[in-house]
PDB file of N, CA and C in Angstrom:
ATOM      1  N   MET A   1       2.984 -17.875  -0.751  1.00  0.00           N
ATOM      2  CA  MET A   1       3.822 -18.274  -1.854  1.00  0.00           C
ATOM      3  C   MET A   1       3.056 -19.245  -2.743  1.00  0.00           C
ATOM      4  N   ILE A   2       3.202 -19.071  -4.038  1.00  0.00           N
ATOM      5  CA  ILE A   2       2.516 -19.932  -4.996  1.00  0.00           C
ATOM      6  C   ILE A   2       3.449 -21.071  -5.373  1.00  0.00           C
ATOM      7  N   GLY A   3       2.944 -22.302  -5.269  1.00  0.00           N
ATOM      8  CA  GLY A   3       3.724 -23.478  -5.633  1.00  0.00           C
ATOM      9  C   GLY A   3       3.615 -23.762  -7.119  1.00  0.00           C
ATOM     10  N   THR A   4       3.925 -24.985  -7.483  1.00  0.00           N
ATOM     11  CA  THR A   4       3.835 -25.416  -8.870  1.00  0.00           C
ATOM     12  C   THR A   4       2.392 -25.318  -9.344  1.00  0.00           C
ATOM     13  N   MET A   5       2.209 -24.772 -10.521  1.00  0.00           N
ATOM     14  CA  MET A   5       0.868 -24.613 -11.074  1.00  0.00           C
ATOM     15  C   MET A   5       0.515 -25.819 -11.939  1.00  0.00           C
ATOM     16  N   GLU A   6      -0.689 -26.288 -11.814  1.00  0.00           N
ATOM     17  CA  GLU A   6      -1.219 -27.376 -12.633  1.00  0.00           C
ATOM     18  C   GLU A   6      -2.278 -26.796 -13.565  1.00  0.00           C
ATOM     19  N   THR A   7      -2.443 -27.398 -14.714  1.00  0.00           N
ATOM     20  CA  THR A   7      -3.477 -26.986 -15.653  1.00  0.00           C
ATOM     21  C   THR A   7      -4.534 -28.071 -15.695  1.00  0.00           C
ATOM     22  N   MET A   8      -5.795 -27.643 -15.650  1.00  0.00           N
ATOM     23  CA  MET A   8      -6.912 -28.572 -15.717  1.00  0.00           C
ATOM     24  C   MET A   8      -7.704 -28.272 -16.983  1.00  0.00           C
ATOM     25  N   THR A   9      -8.283 -29.301 -17.556  1.00  0.00           N
ATOM     26  CA  THR A   9      -9.066 -29.139 -18.769  1.00  0.00           C
ATOM     27  C   THR A   9     -10.527 -29.452 -18.461  1.00  0.00           C
ATOM     28  N   ILE A  10     -11.404 -28.545 -18.888  1.00  0.00           N
ATOM     29  CA  ILE A  10     -12.840 -28.751 -18.728  1.00  0.00           C
ATOM     30  C   ILE A  10     -13.462 -28.645 -20.121  1.00  0.00           C
ATOM     31  N   PRO A  11     -14.032 -29.738 -20.609  1.00  0.00           N
ATOM     32  CA  PRO A  11     -14.616 -29.687 -21.952  1.00  0.00           C
ATOM     33  C   PRO A  11     -15.888 -28.823 -21.984  1.00  0.00           C
ATOM     34  N   VAL A  12     -15.937 -27.921 -22.948  1.00  0.00           N
ATOM     35  CA  VAL A  12     -17.107 -27.064 -23.160  1.00  0.00           C
ATOM     36  C   VAL A  12     -17.366 -27.032 -24.661  1.00  0.00           C
ATOM     37  N   SER A  13     -18.571 -27.377 -25.045  1.00  0.00           N
ATOM     38  CA  SER A  13     -18.883 -27.427 -26.478  1.00  0.00           C
ATOM     39  C   SER A  13     -19.029 -26.018 -27.060  1.00  0.00           C
ATOM     40  N   GLU A  14     -18.851 -25.923 -28.359  1.00  0.00           N
ATOM     41  CA  GLU A  14     -19.040 -24.658 -29.066  1.00  0.00           C
ATOM     42  C   GLU A  14     -20.472 -24.156 -28.887  1.00  0.00           C
ATOM     43  N   ASP A  15     -21.436 -25.096 -28.802  1.00  0.00           N
ATOM     44  CA  ASP A  15     -22.835 -24.709 -28.594  1.00  0.00           C
ATOM     45  C   ASP A  15     -23.007 -23.947 -27.281  1.00  0.00           C
ATOM     46  N   ILE A  16     -22.336 -24.416 -26.241  1.00  0.00           N
ATOM     47  CA  ILE A  16     -22.434 -23.758 -24.931  1.00  0.00           C
ATOM     48  C   ILE A  16     -21.788 -22.375 -24.988  1.00  0.00           C
ATOM     49  N   LEU A  17     -20.608 -22.291 -25.592  1.00  0.00           N
ATOM     50  CA  LEU A  17     -19.935 -20.999 -25.730  1.00  0.00           C
ATOM     51  C   LEU A  17     -20.800 -20.018 -26.515  1.00  0.00           C
ATOM     52  N   SER A  18     -21.413 -20.510 -27.577  1.00  0.00           N
ATOM     53  CA  SER A  18     -22.280 -19.674 -28.403  1.00  0.00           C
ATOM     54  C   SER A  18     -23.514 -19.219 -27.625  1.00  0.00           C
ATOM     55  N   ALA A  19     -24.134 -20.149 -26.910  1.00  0.00           N
ATOM     56  CA  ALA A  19     -25.335 -19.811 -26.135  1.00  0.00           C
ATOM     57  C   ALA A  19     -25.019 -18.789 -25.048  1.00  0.00           C
ATOM     58  N   ALA A  20     -23.832 -18.896 -24.454  1.00  0.00           N
ATOM     59  CA  ALA A  20     -23.424 -17.966 -23.400  1.00  0.00           C
ATOM     60  C   ALA A  20     -22.858 -16.675 -23.988  1.00  0.00           C
ATOM     61  N   ASN A  21     -22.661 -16.661 -25.313  1.00  0.00           N
ATOM     62  CA  ASN A  21     -22.082 -15.509 -25.994  1.00  0.00           C
ATOM     63  C   ASN A  21     -20.732 -15.133 -25.387  1.00  0.00           C
ATOM     64  N   MET A  22     -19.895 -16.176 -25.190  1.00  0.00           N
ATOM     65  CA  MET A  22     -18.586 -15.985 -24.578  1.00  0.00           C
ATOM     66  C   MET A  22     -17.525 -16.693 -25.414  1.00  0.00           C
ATOM     67  N   SER A  23     -16.331 -16.136 -25.369  1.00  0.00           N
ATOM     68  CA  SER A  23     -15.194 -16.826 -25.974  1.00  0.00           C
ATOM     69  C   SER A  23     -14.711 -17.891 -24.991  1.00  0.00           C
ATOM     70  N   LYS A  24     -13.837 -18.745 -25.463  1.00  0.00           N
ATOM     71  CA  LYS A  24     -13.270 -19.781 -24.599  1.00  0.00           C
ATOM     72  C   LYS A  24     -12.530 -19.141 -23.421  1.00  0.00           C
ATOM     73  N   ASP A  25     -11.775 -18.090 -23.672  1.00  0.00           N
ATOM     74  CA  ASP A  25     -11.037 -17.411 -22.601  1.00  0.00           C
ATOM     75  C   ASP A  25     -11.981 -16.745 -21.597  1.00  0.00           C
ATOM     76  N   GLU A  26     -13.045 -16.124 -22.088  1.00  0.00           N
ATOM     77  CA  GLU A  26     -14.015 -15.494 -21.195  1.00  0.00           C
ATOM     78  C   GLU A  26     -14.695 -16.534 -20.308  1.00  0.00           C
ATOM     79  N   MET A  27     -15.061 -17.670 -20.896  1.00  0.00           N
ATOM     80  CA  MET A  27     -15.703 -18.745 -20.133  1.00  0.00           C
ATOM     81  C   MET A  27     -14.737 -19.287 -19.084  1.00  0.00           C
ATOM     82  N   ALA A  28     -13.493 -19.506 -19.456  1.00  0.00           N
ATOM     83  CA  ALA A  28     -12.504 -20.031 -18.515  1.00  0.00           C
ATOM     84  C   ALA A  28     -12.295 -19.066 -17.350  1.00  0.00           C
ATOM     85  N   ALA A  29     -12.205 -17.770 -17.648  1.00  0.00           N
ATOM     86  CA  ALA A  29     -12.010 -16.775 -16.593  1.00  0.00           C
ATOM     87  C   ALA A  29     -13.216 -16.724 -15.660  1.00  0.00           C
ATOM     88  N   ALA A  30     -14.423 -16.780 -16.221  1.00  0.00           N
ATOM     89  CA  ALA A  30     -15.643 -16.742 -15.406  1.00  0.00           C
ATOM     90  C   ALA A  30     -15.748 -17.982 -14.525  1.00  0.00           C
ATOM     91  N   MET A  31     -15.439 -19.145 -15.089  1.00  0.00           N
ATOM     92  CA  MET A  31     -15.506 -20.381 -14.306  1.00  0.00           C
ATOM     93  C   MET A  31     -14.474 -20.368 -13.184  1.00  0.00           C
ATOM     94  N   SER A  32     -13.283 -19.911 -13.495  1.00  0.00           N
ATOM     95  CA  SER A  32     -12.212 -19.846 -12.507  1.00  0.00           C
ATOM     96  C   SER A  32     -12.581 -18.887 -11.375  1.00  0.00           C
ATOM     97  N   ARG A  33     -13.068 -17.704 -11.731  1.00  0.00           N
ATOM     98  CA  ARG A  33     -13.480 -16.705 -10.739  1.00  0.00           C
ATOM     99  C   ARG A  33     -14.612 -17.233  -9.866  1.00  0.00           C
ATOM    100  N   ASP A  34     -15.631 -17.776 -10.493  1.00  0.00           N
ATOM    101  CA  ASP A  34     -16.793 -18.254  -9.747  1.00  0.00           C
ATOM    102  C   ASP A  34     -16.423 -19.389  -8.792  1.00  0.00           C
ATOM    103  N   TYR A  35     -15.540 -20.268  -9.225  1.00  0.00           N
ATOM    104  CA  TYR A  35     -15.134 -21.372  -8.355  1.00  0.00           C
ATOM    105  C   TYR A  35     -14.269 -20.871  -7.204  1.00  0.00           C
ATOM    106  N   ALA A  36     -13.403 -19.897  -7.475  1.00  0.00           N
ATOM    107  CA  ALA A  36     -12.579 -19.319  -6.415  1.00  0.00           C
ATOM    108  C   ALA A  36     -13.457 -18.635  -5.368  1.00  0.00           C
ATOM    109  N   VAL A  37     -14.484 -17.927  -5.818  1.00  0.00           N
ATOM    110  CA  VAL A  37     -15.427 -17.285  -4.890  1.00  0.00           C
ATOM    111  C   VAL A  37     -16.125 -18.353  -4.047  1.00  0.00           C
ATOM    112  N   LYS A  38     -16.546 -19.425  -4.680  1.00  0.00           N
ATOM    113  CA  LYS A  38     -17.221 -20.523  -3.960  1.00  0.00           C
ATOM    114  C   LYS A  38     -16.297 -21.149  -2.914  1.00  0.00           C
ATOM    115  N   MET A  39     -15.053 -21.400  -3.290  1.00  0.00           N
ATOM    116  CA  MET A  39     -14.100 -22.004  -2.354  1.00  0.00           C
ATOM    117  C   MET A  39     -13.854 -21.092  -1.154  1.00  0.00           C
ATOM    118  N   PHE A  40     -13.785 -19.782  -1.403  1.00  0.00           N
ATOM    119  CA  PHE A  40     -13.619 -18.828  -0.307  1.00  0.00           C
ATOM    120  C   PHE A  40     -14.865 -18.811   0.576  1.00  0.00           C
ATOM    121  N   ALA A  41     -16.033 -18.756  -0.047  1.00  0.00           N
ATOM    122  CA  ALA A  41     -17.300 -18.696   0.706  1.00  0.00           C
ATOM    123  C   ALA A  41     -17.485 -19.925   1.590  1.00  0.00           C
ATOM    124  N   GLU A  42     -17.020 -21.073   1.119  1.00  0.00           N
ATOM    125  CA  GLU A  42     -17.126 -22.309   1.897  1.00  0.00           C
ATOM    126  C   GLU A  42     -16.027 -22.434   2.948  1.00  0.00           C
ATOM    127  N   GLY A  43     -15.078 -21.501   2.951  1.00  0.00           N
ATOM    128  CA  GLY A  43     -13.986 -21.549   3.917  1.00  0.00           C
ATOM    129  C   GLY A  43     -12.919 -22.568   3.584  1.00  0.00           C
ATOM    130  N   ARG A  44     -12.921 -23.031   2.355  1.00  0.00           N
ATOM    131  CA  ARG A  44     -11.937 -24.041   1.948  1.00  0.00           C
ATOM    132  C   ARG A  44     -10.598 -23.423   1.579  1.00  0.00           C
ATOM    133  N   LEU A  45     -10.623 -22.158   1.126  1.00  0.00           N
ATOM    134  CA  LEU A  45      -9.405 -21.429   0.798  1.00  0.00           C
ATOM    135  C   LEU A  45      -9.458 -20.055   1.442  1.00  0.00           C
ATOM    136  N   THR A  46      -8.300 -19.504   1.739  1.00  0.00           N
ATOM    137  CA  THR A  46      -8.245 -18.134   2.240  1.00  0.00           C
ATOM    138  C   THR A  46      -8.518 -17.183   1.076  1.00  0.00           C
ATOM    139  N   MET A  47      -8.673 -15.916   1.401  1.00  0.00           N
ATOM    140  CA  MET A  47      -8.904 -14.930   0.360  1.00  0.00           C
ATOM    141  C   MET A  47      -7.714 -14.865  -0.604  1.00  0.00           C
ATOM    142  N   THR A  48      -6.514 -14.874  -0.063  1.00  0.00           N
ATOM    143  CA  THR A  48      -5.317 -14.821  -0.905  1.00  0.00           C
ATOM    144  C   THR A  48      -5.219 -16.051  -1.800  1.00  0.00           C
ATOM    145  N   GLN A  49      -5.473 -17.227  -1.241  1.00  0.00           N
ATOM    146  CA  GLN A  49      -5.441 -18.452  -2.041  1.00  0.00           C
ATOM    147  C   GLN A  49      -6.495 -18.413  -3.140  1.00  0.00           C
ATOM    148  N   SER A  50      -7.677 -17.934  -2.803  1.00  0.00           N
ATOM    149  CA  SER A  50      -8.762 -17.855  -3.779  1.00  0.00           C
ATOM    150  C   SER A  50      -8.428 -16.877  -4.896  1.00  0.00           C
ATOM    151  N   ALA A  51      -7.856 -15.734  -4.539  1.00  0.00           N
ATOM    152  CA  ALA A  51      -7.450 -14.752  -5.554  1.00  0.00           C
ATOM    153  C   ALA A  51      -6.395 -15.360  -6.471  1.00  0.00           C
ATOM    154  N   ASN A  52      -5.445 -16.073  -5.892  1.00  0.00           N
ATOM    155  CA  ASN A  52      -4.409 -16.729  -6.693  1.00  0.00           C
ATOM    156  C   ASN A  52      -5.010 -17.792  -7.611  1.00  0.00           C
ATOM    157  N   LEU A  53      -6.004 -18.519  -7.120  1.00  0.00           N
ATOM    158  CA  LEU A  53      -6.643 -19.571  -7.907  1.00  0.00           C
ATOM    159  C   LEU A  53      -7.199 -19.027  -9.215  1.00  0.00           C
ATOM    160  N   CYS A  54      -7.782 -17.852  -9.158  1.00  0.00           N
ATOM    161  CA  CYS A  54      -8.388 -17.303 -10.377  1.00  0.00           C
ATOM    162  C   CYS A  54      -7.529 -16.237 -11.043  1.00  0.00           C
ATOM    163  N   GLY A  55      -6.296 -16.081 -10.578  1.00  0.00           N
ATOM    164  CA  GLY A  55      -5.373 -15.170 -11.238  1.00  0.00           C
ATOM    165  C   GLY A  55      -5.682 -13.699 -11.039  1.00  0.00           C
ATOM    166  N   MET A  56      -6.339 -13.376  -9.930  1.00  0.00           N
ATOM    167  CA  MET A  56      -6.679 -11.981  -9.650  1.00  0.00           C
ATOM    168  C   MET A  56      -5.786 -11.439  -8.547  1.00  0.00           C
ATOM    169  N   ASN A  57      -5.633 -10.117  -8.529  1.00  0.00           N
ATOM    170  CA  ASN A  57      -5.016  -9.518  -7.359  1.00  0.00           C
ATOM    171  C   ASN A  57      -6.088  -9.430  -6.274  1.00  0.00           C
ATOM    172  N   ILE A  58      -5.672  -9.167  -5.064  1.00  0.00           N
ATOM    173  CA  ILE A  58      -6.595  -9.217  -3.928  1.00  0.00           C
ATOM    174  C   ILE A  58      -7.722  -8.194  -4.065  1.00  0.00           C
ATOM    175  N   PHE A  59      -7.435  -7.031  -4.661  1.00  0.00           N
ATOM    176  CA  PHE A  59      -8.448  -5.984  -4.785  1.00  0.00           C
ATOM    177  C   PHE A  59      -9.521  -6.362  -5.802  1.00  0.00           C
ATOM    178  N   ASP A  60      -9.106  -6.956  -6.915  1.00  0.00           N
ATOM    179  CA  ASP A  60     -10.089  -7.427  -7.897  1.00  0.00           C
ATOM    180  C   ASP A  60     -10.915  -8.574  -7.322  1.00  0.00           C
ATOM    181  N   PHE A  61     -10.267  -9.420  -6.511  1.00  0.00           N
ATOM    182  CA  PHE A  61     -11.021 -10.517  -5.905  1.00  0.00           C
ATOM    183  C   PHE A  61     -12.037  -9.984  -4.895  1.00  0.00           C
ATOM    184  N   LEU A  62     -11.678  -8.934  -4.165  1.00  0.00           N
ATOM    185  CA  LEU A  62     -12.640  -8.295  -3.258  1.00  0.00           C
ATOM    186  C   LEU A  62     -13.849  -7.800  -4.046  1.00  0.00           C
ATOM    187  N   ASP A  63     -13.625  -7.238  -5.225  1.00  0.00           N
ATOM    188  CA  ASP A  63     -14.731  -6.805  -6.083  1.00  0.00           C
ATOM    189  C   ASP A  63     -15.586  -7.994  -6.515  1.00  0.00           C
ATOM    190  N   ALA A  64     -14.933  -9.119  -6.839  1.00  0.00           N
ATOM    191  CA  ALA A  64     -15.678 -10.321  -7.235  1.00  0.00           C
ATOM    192  C   ALA A  64     -16.531 -10.826  -6.078  1.00  0.00           C
ATOM    193  N   LEU A  65     -15.981 -10.791  -4.869  1.00  0.00           N
ATOM    194  CA  LEU A  65     -16.760 -11.198  -3.696  1.00  0.00           C
ATOM    195  C   LEU A  65     -17.960 -10.283  -3.505  1.00  0.00           C
ATOM    196  N   ALA A  66     -17.730  -8.983  -3.612  1.00  0.00           N
ATOM    197  CA  ALA A  66     -18.833  -8.023  -3.454  1.00  0.00           C
ATOM    198  C   ALA A  66     -19.907  -8.267  -4.505  1.00  0.00           C
ATOM    199  N   GLY A  67     -19.492  -8.527  -5.746  1.00  0.00           N
ATOM    200  CA  GLY A  67     -20.445  -8.793  -6.820  1.00  0.00           C
ATOM    201  C   GLY A  67     -21.270 -10.042  -6.579  1.00  0.00           C
ATOM    202  N   ALA A  68     -20.691 -10.990  -5.849  1.00  0.00           N
ATOM    203  CA  ALA A  68     -21.394 -12.235  -5.539  1.00  0.00           C
ATOM    204  C   ALA A  68     -22.141 -12.153  -4.207  1.00  0.00           C
ATOM    205  N   GLY A  69     -22.032 -11.016  -3.533  1.00  0.00           N
ATOM    206  CA  GLY A  69     -22.713 -10.868  -2.245  1.00  0.00           C
ATOM    207  C   GLY A  69     -22.069 -11.660  -1.125  1.00  0.00           C
ATOM    208  N   ILE A  70     -20.772 -11.938  -1.245  1.00  0.00           N
ATOM    209  CA  ILE A  70     -20.045 -12.713  -0.237  1.00  0.00           C
ATOM    210  C   ILE A  70     -19.249 -11.746   0.633  1.00  0.00           C
ATOM    211  N   PRO A  71     -19.468 -11.754   1.952  1.00  0.00           N
ATOM    212  CA  PRO A  71     -18.689 -10.857   2.814  1.00  0.00           C
ATOM    213  C   PRO A  71     -17.227 -11.281   2.864  1.00  0.00           C
ATOM    214  N   ALA A  72     -16.341 -10.305   2.754  1.00  0.00           N
ATOM    215  CA  ALA A  72     -14.905 -10.590   2.754  1.00  0.00           C
ATOM    216  C   ALA A  72     -14.343 -10.668   4.162  1.00  0.00           C
ATOM    217  N   ALA A  73     -14.975 -10.021   5.110  1.00  0.00           N
ATOM    218  CA  ALA A  73     -14.410  -9.926   6.457  1.00  0.00           C
ATOM    219  C   ALA A  73     -15.036 -10.899   7.440  1.00  0.00           C
ATOM    220  N   ASP A  74     -15.814 -11.832   6.968  1.00  0.00           N
ATOM    221  CA  ASP A  74     -16.460 -12.801   7.850  1.00  0.00           C
ATOM    222  C   ASP A  74     -15.546 -13.998   8.055  1.00  0.00           C
ATOM    223  N   SER A  75     -14.351 -13.718   8.562  1.00  0.00           N
ATOM    224  CA  SER A  75     -13.349 -14.762   8.727  1.00  0.00           C
ATOM    225  C   SER A  75     -13.079 -15.021  10.196  1.00  0.00           C
ATOM    226  N   GLU A  76     -12.636 -16.199  10.469  1.00  0.00           N
ATOM    227  CA  GLU A  76     -12.195 -16.552  11.809  1.00  0.00           C
ATOM    228  C   GLU A  76     -10.843 -15.892  12.062  1.00  0.00           C
ATOM    229  N   ALA A  77     -10.486 -15.722  13.317  1.00  0.00           N
ATOM    230  CA  ALA A  77      -9.206 -15.107  13.676  1.00  0.00           C
ATOM    231  C   ALA A  77      -8.039 -15.857  13.042  1.00  0.00           C
ATOM    232  N   GLU A  78      -8.115 -17.163  13.014  1.00  0.00           N
ATOM    233  CA  GLU A  78      -7.048 -17.973  12.428  1.00  0.00           C
ATOM    234  C   GLU A  78      -6.885 -17.673  10.943  1.00  0.00           C
ATOM    235  N   ASP A  79      -8.002 -17.505  10.231  1.00  0.00           N
ATOM    236  CA  ASP A  79      -7.943 -17.186   8.812  1.00  0.00           C
ATOM    237  C   ASP A  79      -7.285 -15.828   8.594  1.00  0.00           C
ATOM    238  N   LEU A  80      -7.631 -14.855   9.439  1.00  0.00           N
ATOM    239  CA  LEU A  80      -7.042 -13.539   9.314  1.00  0.00           C
ATOM    240  C   LEU A  80      -5.548 -13.572   9.572  1.00  0.00           C
ATOM    241  N   GLU A  81      -5.137 -14.400  10.518  1.00  0.00           N
ATOM    242  CA  GLU A  81      -3.712 -14.553  10.802  1.00  0.00           C
ATOM    243  C   GLU A  81      -2.982 -15.130   9.586  1.00  0.00           C
ATOM    244  N   LYS A  82      -3.608 -16.079   8.894  1.00  0.00           N
ATOM    245  CA  LYS A  82      -3.011 -16.662   7.678  1.00  0.00           C
ATOM    246  C   LYS A  82      -2.863 -15.582   6.605  1.00  0.00           C
ATOM    247  N   GLU A  83      -3.887 -14.747   6.462  1.00  0.00           N
ATOM    248  CA  GLU A  83      -3.839 -13.678   5.455  1.00  0.00           C
ATOM    249  C   GLU A  83      -2.708 -12.698   5.768  1.00  0.00           C
ATOM    250  N   LEU A  84      -2.598 -12.315   7.043  1.00  0.00           N
ATOM    251  CA  LEU A  84      -1.547 -11.376   7.434  1.00  0.00           C
ATOM    252  C   LEU A  84      -0.173 -11.982   7.255  1.00  0.00           C
ATOM    253  N   ALA A  85      -0.030 -13.265   7.556  1.00  0.00           N
ATOM    254  CA  ALA A  85       1.254 -13.957   7.410  1.00  0.00           C
ATOM    255  C   ALA A  85       1.704 -13.944   5.961  1.00  0.00           C
ATOM    256  N   TYR A  86       0.777 -13.973   5.021  1.00  0.00           N
ATOM    257  CA  TYR A  86       1.120 -13.968   3.605  1.00  0.00           C
ATOM    258  C   TYR A  86       1.870 -12.688   3.232  1.00  0.00           C
ATOM    259  N   PHE A  87       1.508 -11.568   3.877  1.00  0.00           N
ATOM    260  CA  PHE A  87       2.097 -10.279   3.530  1.00  0.00           C
ATOM    261  C   PHE A  87       3.376  -9.975   4.304  1.00  0.00           C
ATOM    262  N   LYS A  88       3.772 -10.840   5.232  1.00  0.00           N
ATOM    263  CA  LYS A  88       5.007 -10.632   6.010  1.00  0.00           C
ATOM    264  C   LYS A  88       6.218 -11.101   5.266  1.00  0.00           C
TER     265      LYS A  88
END
């Protein structure tokens, strides 16, 4: 279940957006996705929590993990139980 959502602000200059050839929305989505992948890889969030963090469904997040070379099934039994409990 998703609780109350908070909004965070990260300042990014127009120069950075221009150099990256990204819009503000594209940069925000990439930063959100990359951080969610990092949090999952470090074991700080479950896969479901990480997908929710970046606003993806679980299947798109699995694709993001694959793109980053992060194994999705390298979880402890307890983590898998948390994931299964989410779908009950």
